[in-house]
Amino acid sequence: MDRLPALLPVYVLVISLVVLAQLPASAQRLNAQEAATLAYQALPQLPREDQYSRVAGAQRDAGSTLLQRLIRYHQLSKSRSLYYRLDWKLTLADYLGSNEVINEDIYPGADTLTRNPLEGDRAAIRRLSRAQRNQLVQTLTEIFTQADGRTISPAGAASTGPSTGGTTGPANGSSSSSQPNRPPQPRPGDARLLLGP
C-alpha cells in the first residue's frame, strides 16, 4: 500500500502511452494549416483574411488565414470533434454570435498578429451565405474524415424522404441485387406476436 502513491505517475504514463498509440497516425499528421489549404483548394471563393502582420516583424503573415484560425479555434480552443457537421456548425454559430462567446484574448492569432483578427473573421463569416457556410462545413468534415481514413455518408443519404408508394423490387416480391435486404413489412395481426403465450 505504501508503494501505490509512488507508482501512480508510472501508471498514468503507461495509460497515456497506450491511449496515444491507439490514435490513428494520419489524424495526428493533418494540422490546421494543411487542412485550411485543402479547404481553400476545394472552395477558392472563400475569403482568406490573411492581411494581418506578425508581431515579430512587419511582414504580412500569409500563413494565418481565416480557415486556419477557424480550425485552430474549433479544435484547440473549443476541443470540438473534427468529424461531425454539428460541431462545425456550432463553431460557425460562435462566429455569428448565436452560440458561445469567443474569448478575444485566446483567439488564434491574438498574441502573434499585430491586430486581433477576431472581428474581421466574424465579419467574413457573416458575409457568407447559408449555402456557402453549409458547403464549408461539409468540406471541413470530409477533409478530416478522409485524412483519418474514416468514411462518411453522402449529404442527405440518411434521410431520403417518405416513400412515394411505388414498388421498389420486382413484382414477385423478391429483392433485386441492386436493392439492400430489407425486413418484411408488417401485416395486420403481427402485433399479437409481441404478446406472450
Foldseek 3Di string as FASTA:
>chain_A
DVCVVVCVVVVVVVVVVVVVVPQFPLLVPDALLNLVVQLCVVPVVQFFLQQWAWPVDRDGDSSDGLSSQLVCCLCPVVVHDQQDLVSLVQSLCCLQVNHDPDDQCPRPPSRTTPHRCSVVSSVSSVPDDPVRSSVSSVSSNVSSCVSRVHDDDPPPPVPPDDDPPDDDADPVPDHDPVDDDDDDDDDPPPVVVVDDD
